[in-house]
Amino acid sequence: MGVFGAIVLATTAPHSATLLPLSPTVQPQQVTANGYETAEIVIDSGVSKPALSISENPRGAVLEDIRSIAGRWRVRVRAGINPGRVRFRIEAAGYRSTTADLVTKPDNADSAGDGMPDFLRLDDSHDRHAFRRWFTWLAEAQYFQSTASRPLEITDCAALVRYAYREALHRHDSAWANSAGLRVVPALDSIEKYEYPFTPLAASLFRTTPGPYAPDDAANGAFRQFADAETLWRYNASVFSRDLDRAQPGDLLFFRQPEGREPFHTMIYLGQSQLHPDGERYILYHTGPTGRDPGEIRRLTVDDLLRFPQAEWRPVASNSSFLGVARWNILRTVSGD
């Protein structure tokens, strides 16, 4: 039987002759590491409510709930996105502790053919909403921070976007809050599918080469921690409209100004502000450095940007410098929406 077709049950040595054996089973024995497939650990009747923990590969799966059904304990387990063996430790009063293994196989699909692996896509509406709220909140929060208080990495438009994207994919617990250096942190749900940087790509979030995703891309440099505005436009987001009214919070606007030192520029569509809601829709961007001027983060209403004095920065279909409204590839569903 192959490595992905076997389930291993191992029982520790008894503490005394009176302890009974546990006989759990895992159904199915194998799932895909896509963040959504589930399995059940089933424990026979006669056992008081067992305690379960993950003793090996703790981010390879999530213990979701435990129920007693028809005299058996059924524990639902959801796969993570990191493939491999996940070992569960099971304990119950009066029984010898036991381990059970579930194997998760790699998910190398790229349903949109855009180079982004499906294991990174946020297929669930809860996760997409959570990402959008965190991404826009984190970006806008930097506008209200003093320059000295901002992360040193935020030096231009792409850096602001990279920062908010990466931090939006973290688990927003107290440890993260302490490291983020933000004065106030909102009570927003984090995404549930995975936790950055614990993915098959580790900390390398951004696609940097063309073509659909292939298994070797996790280690061949196709993904990196850095991406400039052009790379974000070409490989990490997909233009879907030139009509700003179709944008959702967290979508990106891209421009190309050929005469500049860095011709590609990006802005973030915030929608309504989460920090100072006033009914207006906002656009946020970093101007980037000019000579000795380090630039600044600007927050304009949509109406202000549509009337911007320099017409080449207006997000309208008649502006040839406006490349369109783009959506992050991780937010694209299988249908490409």
Protein backbone atom coordinates (compact mmCIF):
# COMPACT_ATOMS: atom_id res chain seq x y z
CA MET A 1 0.00 0.00 0.00
CA GLY A 2 1.39 3.45 -0.96
CA VAL A 3 2.35 6.14 1.50
CA PHE A 4 -0.86 8.08 0.82
CA GLY A 5 -3.06 5.02 1.13
CA ALA A 6 -2.31 3.92 4.65
CA ILE A 7 -3.48 4.92 8.07
CA VAL A 8 -1.29 4.08 11.04
CA LEU A 9 -2.66 3.55 14.52
CA ALA A 10 -0.14 3.30 17.32
CA THR A 11 -0.89 2.72 21.00
CA THR A 12 1.40 3.81 23.79
CA ALA A 13 2.44 1.43 26.56
CA PRO A 14 -0.26 1.04 29.25
CA HIS A 15 0.21 2.70 32.60
CA SER A 16 -1.50 -0.27 34.28
CA ALA A 17 -3.16 -3.53 33.35
CA THR A 18 -6.58 -2.03 34.03
CA LEU A 19 -6.42 0.54 31.21
CA LEU A 20 -8.41 -0.41 28.14
CA PRO A 21 -7.29 0.10 24.53
CA LEU A 22 -8.80 2.78 22.31
CA SER A 23 -9.64 1.81 18.75
CA PRO A 24 -10.10 4.98 16.67
CA THR A 25 -10.45 5.00 12.90
CA VAL A 26 -9.98 7.86 10.45
CA GLN A 27 -12.40 8.17 7.54
CA PRO A 28 -11.24 8.76 4.87
CA GLN A 29 -7.62 7.86 5.36
CA GLN A 30 -6.38 10.54 2.98
CA VAL A 31 -7.54 14.02 1.95
CA THR A 32 -6.18 16.80 -0.23
CA ALA A 33 -4.29 19.62 1.47
CA ASN A 34 -6.53 22.33 0.06
CA GLY A 35 -7.73 23.94 3.29
CA TYR A 36 -11.29 22.63 2.96
CA GLU A 37 -11.51 18.83 2.67
CA THR A 38 -12.49 17.07 5.87
CA ALA A 39 -12.10 13.68 7.54
CA GLU A 40 -13.56 12.15 10.69
CA ILE A 41 -11.88 10.43 13.59
CA VAL A 42 -14.38 7.90 14.93
CA ILE A 43 -14.01 6.49 18.45
CA ASP A 44 -16.07 3.52 19.60
CA SER A 45 -18.85 3.70 22.17
CA GLY A 46 -18.24 3.36 25.89
CA VAL A 47 -15.59 6.08 25.99
CA SER A 48 -16.04 9.28 27.98
CA LYS A 49 -15.52 12.40 25.94
CA PRO A 50 -11.97 12.12 24.60
CA ALA A 51 -9.35 14.86 24.43
CA LEU A 52 -7.59 15.30 21.10
CA SER A 53 -4.54 17.28 20.08
CA ILE A 54 -2.24 17.39 17.07
CA SER A 55 1.17 16.09 18.09
CA GLU A 56 2.87 16.16 14.68
CA ASN A 57 2.49 18.74 11.86
CA PRO A 58 0.15 20.96 13.91
CA ARG A 59 -0.61 23.25 10.98
CA GLY A 60 -1.40 20.35 8.68
CA ALA A 61 -4.99 20.14 9.90
CA VAL A 62 -7.53 21.76 12.20
CA LEU A 63 -9.66 19.98 14.81
CA GLU A 64 -13.07 21.56 14.25
CA ASP A 65 -15.63 19.83 16.48
CA ILE A 66 -16.49 16.65 18.37
CA ARG A 67 -19.93 15.08 18.62
CA SER A 68 -21.48 11.95 20.07
CA ILE A 69 -23.62 10.28 17.41
CA ALA A 70 -25.22 6.86 17.79
CA GLY A 71 -22.92 5.94 20.67
CA ARG A 72 -19.70 6.99 18.92
CA TRP A 73 -17.55 10.07 19.18
CA ARG A 74 -17.03 11.71 15.79
CA VAL A 75 -14.32 14.35 15.48
CA ARG A 76 -14.31 16.47 12.35
CA VAL A 77 -10.89 17.38 11.02
CA ARG A 78 -10.27 19.95 8.29
CA ALA A 79 -7.16 19.71 6.14
CA GLY A 80 -4.66 22.55 6.10
CA ILE A 81 -2.70 23.44 2.98
CA ASN A 82 0.64 21.93 4.01
CA PRO A 83 0.73 18.31 2.78
CA GLY A 84 2.13 15.42 4.79
CA ARG A 85 1.29 13.22 7.75
CA VAL A 86 -0.74 14.69 10.59
CA ARG A 87 -0.65 12.75 13.86
CA PHE A 88 -3.44 13.09 16.41
CA ARG A 89 -3.07 12.17 20.08
CA ILE A 90 -6.25 10.81 21.67
CA GLU A 91 -6.82 10.46 25.39
CA ALA A 92 -9.83 9.34 27.43
CA ALA A 93 -10.29 8.50 31.10
CA GLY A 94 -9.68 4.81 31.78
CA TYR A 95 -8.04 4.18 28.39
CA ARG A 96 -4.50 4.04 27.09
CA SER A 97 -3.60 7.13 25.06
CA THR A 98 -3.49 6.48 21.35
CA THR A 99 -2.30 8.17 18.17
CA ALA A 100 -3.95 8.16 14.76
CA ASP A 101 -2.49 9.43 11.49
CA LEU A 102 -4.12 11.23 8.59
CA VAL A 103 -2.16 11.86 5.37
CA THR A 104 -2.85 14.92 3.25
CA LYS A 105 -1.68 14.95 -0.35
CA PRO A 106 -0.40 18.05 -2.20
CA ASP A 107 -2.83 20.27 -4.07
CA ASN A 108 -1.04 21.60 -7.16
CA ALA A 109 -4.12 22.73 -9.07
CA ASP A 110 -4.34 26.17 -10.68
CA SER A 111 -8.00 26.39 -11.64
CA ALA A 112 -7.73 29.87 -13.16
CA GLY A 113 -4.48 29.17 -15.01
CA ASP A 114 -3.05 32.46 -13.75
CA GLY A 115 -0.03 31.08 -11.91
CA MET A 116 -1.63 31.24 -8.48
CA PRO A 117 -2.03 27.81 -6.83
CA ASP A 118 -5.49 26.95 -5.61
CA PHE A 119 -4.17 26.30 -2.11
CA LEU A 120 -3.64 30.06 -1.77
CA ARG A 121 -7.00 31.08 -3.23
CA LEU A 122 -9.61 32.21 -0.76
CA ASP A 123 -12.53 30.18 -2.09
CA ASP A 124 -14.76 30.79 0.90
CA SER A 125 -16.83 33.99 1.04
CA HIS A 126 -15.94 34.46 4.73
CA ASP A 127 -12.23 34.41 3.94
CA ARG A 128 -12.56 36.76 0.98
CA HIS A 129 -14.50 39.23 3.10
CA ALA A 130 -12.00 38.94 5.97
CA PHE A 131 -9.07 39.52 3.62
CA ARG A 132 -10.67 42.60 2.04
CA ARG A 133 -11.42 44.16 5.42
CA TRP A 134 -7.93 43.55 6.80
CA PHE A 135 -6.17 44.60 3.60
CA THR A 136 -7.99 47.92 3.37
CA TRP A 137 -7.83 48.58 7.11
CA LEU A 138 -4.09 47.95 7.29
CA ALA A 139 -3.38 50.15 4.28
CA GLU A 140 -5.56 52.99 5.52
CA ALA A 141 -4.12 52.75 9.03
CA GLN A 142 -0.72 53.68 7.60
CA TYR A 143 -2.18 56.92 6.25
CA PHE A 144 -3.05 57.92 9.81
CA GLN A 145 0.31 56.82 11.22
CA SER A 146 3.16 59.29 11.43
CA THR A 147 5.94 58.70 8.92
CA ALA A 148 8.29 57.74 11.74
CA SER A 149 5.82 55.15 13.02
CA ARG A 150 5.34 53.37 9.70
CA PRO A 151 7.25 50.22 8.75
CA LEU A 152 10.48 51.23 7.02
CA GLU A 153 9.58 49.03 4.05
CA ILE A 154 6.75 51.34 2.94
CA THR A 155 8.60 53.56 0.48
CA ASP A 156 6.39 53.53 -2.62
CA CYS A 157 3.04 52.41 -3.99
CA ALA A 158 3.96 48.74 -4.41
CA ALA A 159 5.54 48.56 -0.96
CA LEU A 160 2.34 49.81 0.67
CA VAL A 161 0.33 47.19 -1.22
CA ARG A 162 2.79 44.38 -0.37
CA TYR A 163 2.71 45.30 3.30
CA ALA A 164 -1.09 45.32 3.57
CA TYR A 165 -1.43 42.12 1.51
CA ARG A 166 1.07 40.17 3.59
CA GLU A 167 -0.22 41.37 6.96
CA ALA A 168 -3.83 40.67 5.97
CA LEU A 169 -2.94 36.97 5.63
CA HIS A 170 -1.52 36.66 9.15
CA ARG A 171 -3.36 35.25 12.12
CA HIS A 172 -4.29 38.44 13.95
CA ASP A 173 -3.66 37.30 17.49
CA SER A 174 -2.02 39.12 20.39
CA ALA A 175 1.49 38.13 19.23
CA TRP A 176 0.83 39.67 15.83
CA ALA A 177 -0.70 42.78 17.38
CA ASN A 178 2.38 43.29 19.54
CA SER A 179 4.68 43.04 16.52
CA ALA A 180 2.58 45.18 14.18
CA GLY A 181 3.24 48.44 16.00
CA LEU A 182 -0.32 49.68 15.52
CA ARG A 183 -1.96 51.77 18.21
CA VAL A 184 -5.40 50.25 17.64
CA VAL A 185 -6.28 46.85 16.17
CA PRO A 186 -9.85 46.12 15.05
CA ALA A 187 -11.84 43.09 16.14
CA LEU A 188 -12.06 41.55 12.67
CA ASP A 189 -12.07 37.88 11.75
CA SER A 190 -8.86 36.51 10.26
CA ILE A 191 -8.96 34.24 7.24
CA GLU A 192 -9.39 30.60 8.24
CA LYS A 193 -7.95 28.66 5.30
CA TYR A 194 -4.30 29.21 6.25
CA GLU A 195 -1.96 31.41 8.22
CA TYR A 196 0.94 33.32 6.65
CA PRO A 197 3.81 32.38 6.50
CA PHE A 198 2.87 28.74 7.12
CA THR A 199 2.16 27.75 3.52
CA PRO A 200 3.93 25.51 0.97
CA LEU A 201 5.47 28.75 -0.37
CA ALA A 202 6.61 29.86 3.09
CA ALA A 203 7.08 33.65 3.07
CA SER A 204 7.23 33.96 -0.73
CA LEU A 205 3.77 35.30 -1.54
CA PHE A 206 4.17 37.06 -4.87
CA ARG A 207 4.23 35.44 -8.30
CA THR A 208 7.12 36.79 -10.41
CA THR A 209 7.06 34.68 -13.60
CA PRO A 210 4.44 33.90 -16.26
CA GLY A 211 2.64 30.62 -16.77
CA PRO A 212 0.31 28.39 -14.75
CA TYR A 213 1.37 27.02 -11.39
CA ALA A 214 3.57 23.93 -11.41
CA PRO A 215 4.80 21.88 -8.41
CA ASP A 216 8.38 23.09 -8.90
CA ASP A 217 7.29 26.72 -8.52
CA ALA A 218 7.37 26.41 -4.73
CA ALA A 219 11.17 26.26 -4.85
CA ASN A 220 12.37 27.58 -8.23
CA GLY A 221 12.01 31.33 -7.63
CA ALA A 222 8.63 31.73 -9.31
CA PHE A 223 7.41 33.20 -6.00
CA ARG A 224 9.27 35.81 -3.98
CA GLN A 225 8.68 38.18 -1.09
CA PHE A 226 9.19 41.22 -3.34
CA ALA A 227 7.13 42.43 -6.28
CA ASP A 228 7.12 45.85 -7.90
CA ALA A 229 3.95 47.45 -9.31
CA GLU A 230 4.44 45.90 -12.75
CA THR A 231 4.87 42.42 -11.26
CA LEU A 232 1.76 42.88 -9.14
CA TRP A 233 -0.17 43.86 -12.27
CA ARG A 234 1.17 41.11 -14.52
CA TYR A 235 1.23 38.08 -12.23
CA ASN A 236 -0.66 38.68 -8.97
CA ALA A 237 -3.85 40.46 -9.96
CA SER A 238 -6.17 40.40 -12.95
CA VAL A 239 -7.75 43.45 -14.58
CA PHE A 240 -11.50 42.90 -14.90
CA SER A 241 -12.89 46.34 -15.73
CA ARG A 242 -12.11 49.95 -16.63
CA ASP A 243 -15.22 51.08 -14.76
CA LEU A 244 -14.39 52.19 -11.22
CA ASP A 245 -17.99 51.66 -10.12
CA ARG A 246 -17.39 47.89 -10.37
CA ALA A 247 -14.56 47.97 -7.82
CA GLN A 248 -14.88 46.31 -4.42
CA PRO A 249 -12.84 47.28 -1.34
CA GLY A 250 -9.34 45.83 -1.70
CA ASP A 251 -9.27 45.94 -5.50
CA LEU A 252 -6.35 47.70 -7.17
CA LEU A 253 -6.07 50.44 -9.78
CA PHE A 254 -3.10 50.31 -12.14
CA PHE A 255 -1.56 53.07 -14.24
CA ARG A 256 1.31 53.19 -16.70
CA GLN A 257 3.09 56.52 -17.24
CA PRO A 258 5.86 55.80 -19.79
CA GLU A 259 7.79 58.99 -19.10
CA GLY A 260 8.48 58.16 -15.45
CA ARG A 261 11.47 56.42 -13.90
CA GLU A 262 9.08 53.77 -12.65
CA PRO A 263 6.28 53.69 -15.23
CA PHE A 264 3.87 51.37 -13.37
CA HIS A 265 1.87 52.63 -10.42
CA THR A 266 -0.88 51.15 -8.27
CA MET A 267 -3.57 52.49 -5.96
CA ILE A 268 -5.91 50.76 -3.51
CA TYR A 269 -9.66 51.12 -3.73
CA LEU A 270 -10.78 51.39 -0.09
CA GLY A 271 -14.47 51.97 -0.60
CA GLN A 272 -15.84 53.58 2.54
CA SER A 273 -13.32 54.25 5.29
CA GLN A 274 -13.23 51.81 8.20
CA LEU A 275 -11.34 54.27 10.38
CA HIS A 276 -13.31 57.47 9.77
CA PRO A 277 -16.53 56.54 7.94
CA ASP A 278 -18.24 59.53 6.39
CA GLY A 279 -20.13 58.02 3.45
CA GLU A 280 -17.42 58.85 0.92
CA ARG A 281 -15.54 56.31 -1.20
CA TYR A 282 -11.76 56.56 -1.00
CA ILE A 283 -8.63 55.72 -2.98
CA LEU A 284 -5.30 55.28 -1.16
CA TYR A 285 -1.78 55.29 -2.59
CA HIS A 286 1.84 56.15 -1.92
CA THR A 287 3.31 58.72 -4.27
CA GLY A 288 6.78 57.17 -4.18
CA PRO A 289 10.04 59.10 -3.82
CA THR A 290 11.07 61.98 -6.06
CA GLY A 291 14.70 63.00 -5.69
CA ARG A 292 15.27 63.61 -2.00
CA ASP A 293 11.56 63.77 -1.30
CA PRO A 294 10.51 60.35 0.14
CA GLY A 295 6.94 60.84 -1.01
CA GLU A 296 3.79 60.41 1.03
CA ILE A 297 0.63 58.35 1.44
CA ARG A 298 -2.41 60.10 0.04
CA ARG A 299 -6.09 59.36 0.58
CA LEU A 300 -8.45 60.93 -1.96
CA THR A 301 -12.15 60.56 -2.46
CA VAL A 302 -13.17 58.88 -5.69
CA ASP A 303 -14.65 62.18 -6.88
CA ASP A 304 -11.37 63.99 -6.18
CA LEU A 305 -9.39 61.44 -8.17
CA LEU A 306 -11.86 61.58 -11.07
CA ARG A 307 -11.26 65.35 -11.17
CA PHE A 308 -7.52 65.14 -10.54
CA PRO A 309 -5.69 68.10 -12.17
CA GLN A 310 -3.40 65.78 -14.16
CA ALA A 311 -5.77 63.89 -16.45
CA GLU A 312 -3.38 60.96 -16.84
CA TRP A 313 -4.14 59.94 -13.23
CA ARG A 314 -7.90 59.82 -13.62
CA PRO A 315 -9.33 56.26 -13.47
CA VAL A 316 -11.59 56.59 -16.50
CA ALA A 317 -11.86 54.44 -19.62
CA SER A 318 -10.86 57.32 -21.90
CA ASN A 319 -7.47 57.66 -20.14
CA SER A 320 -4.95 55.49 -22.00
CA SER A 321 -2.63 55.60 -18.96
CA PHE A 322 -5.26 53.88 -16.81
CA LEU A 323 -4.78 50.11 -17.12
CA GLY A 324 -7.96 49.25 -15.26
CA VAL A 325 -9.36 47.88 -12.02
CA ALA A 326 -7.74 44.60 -10.95
CA ARG A 327 -8.62 41.93 -8.43
CA TRP A 328 -6.11 39.89 -6.47
CA ASN A 329 -5.71 36.43 -7.96
CA ILE A 330 -6.21 34.82 -4.55
CA LEU A 331 -9.73 36.29 -4.61
CA ARG A 332 -10.58 34.82 -8.00
CA THR A 333 -12.98 31.91 -7.91
CA VAL A 334 -12.80 28.94 -10.27
CA SER A 335 -15.15 30.78 -12.62
CA GLY A 336 -12.70 33.72 -12.67
CA ASP A 337 -15.02 36.18 -10.90
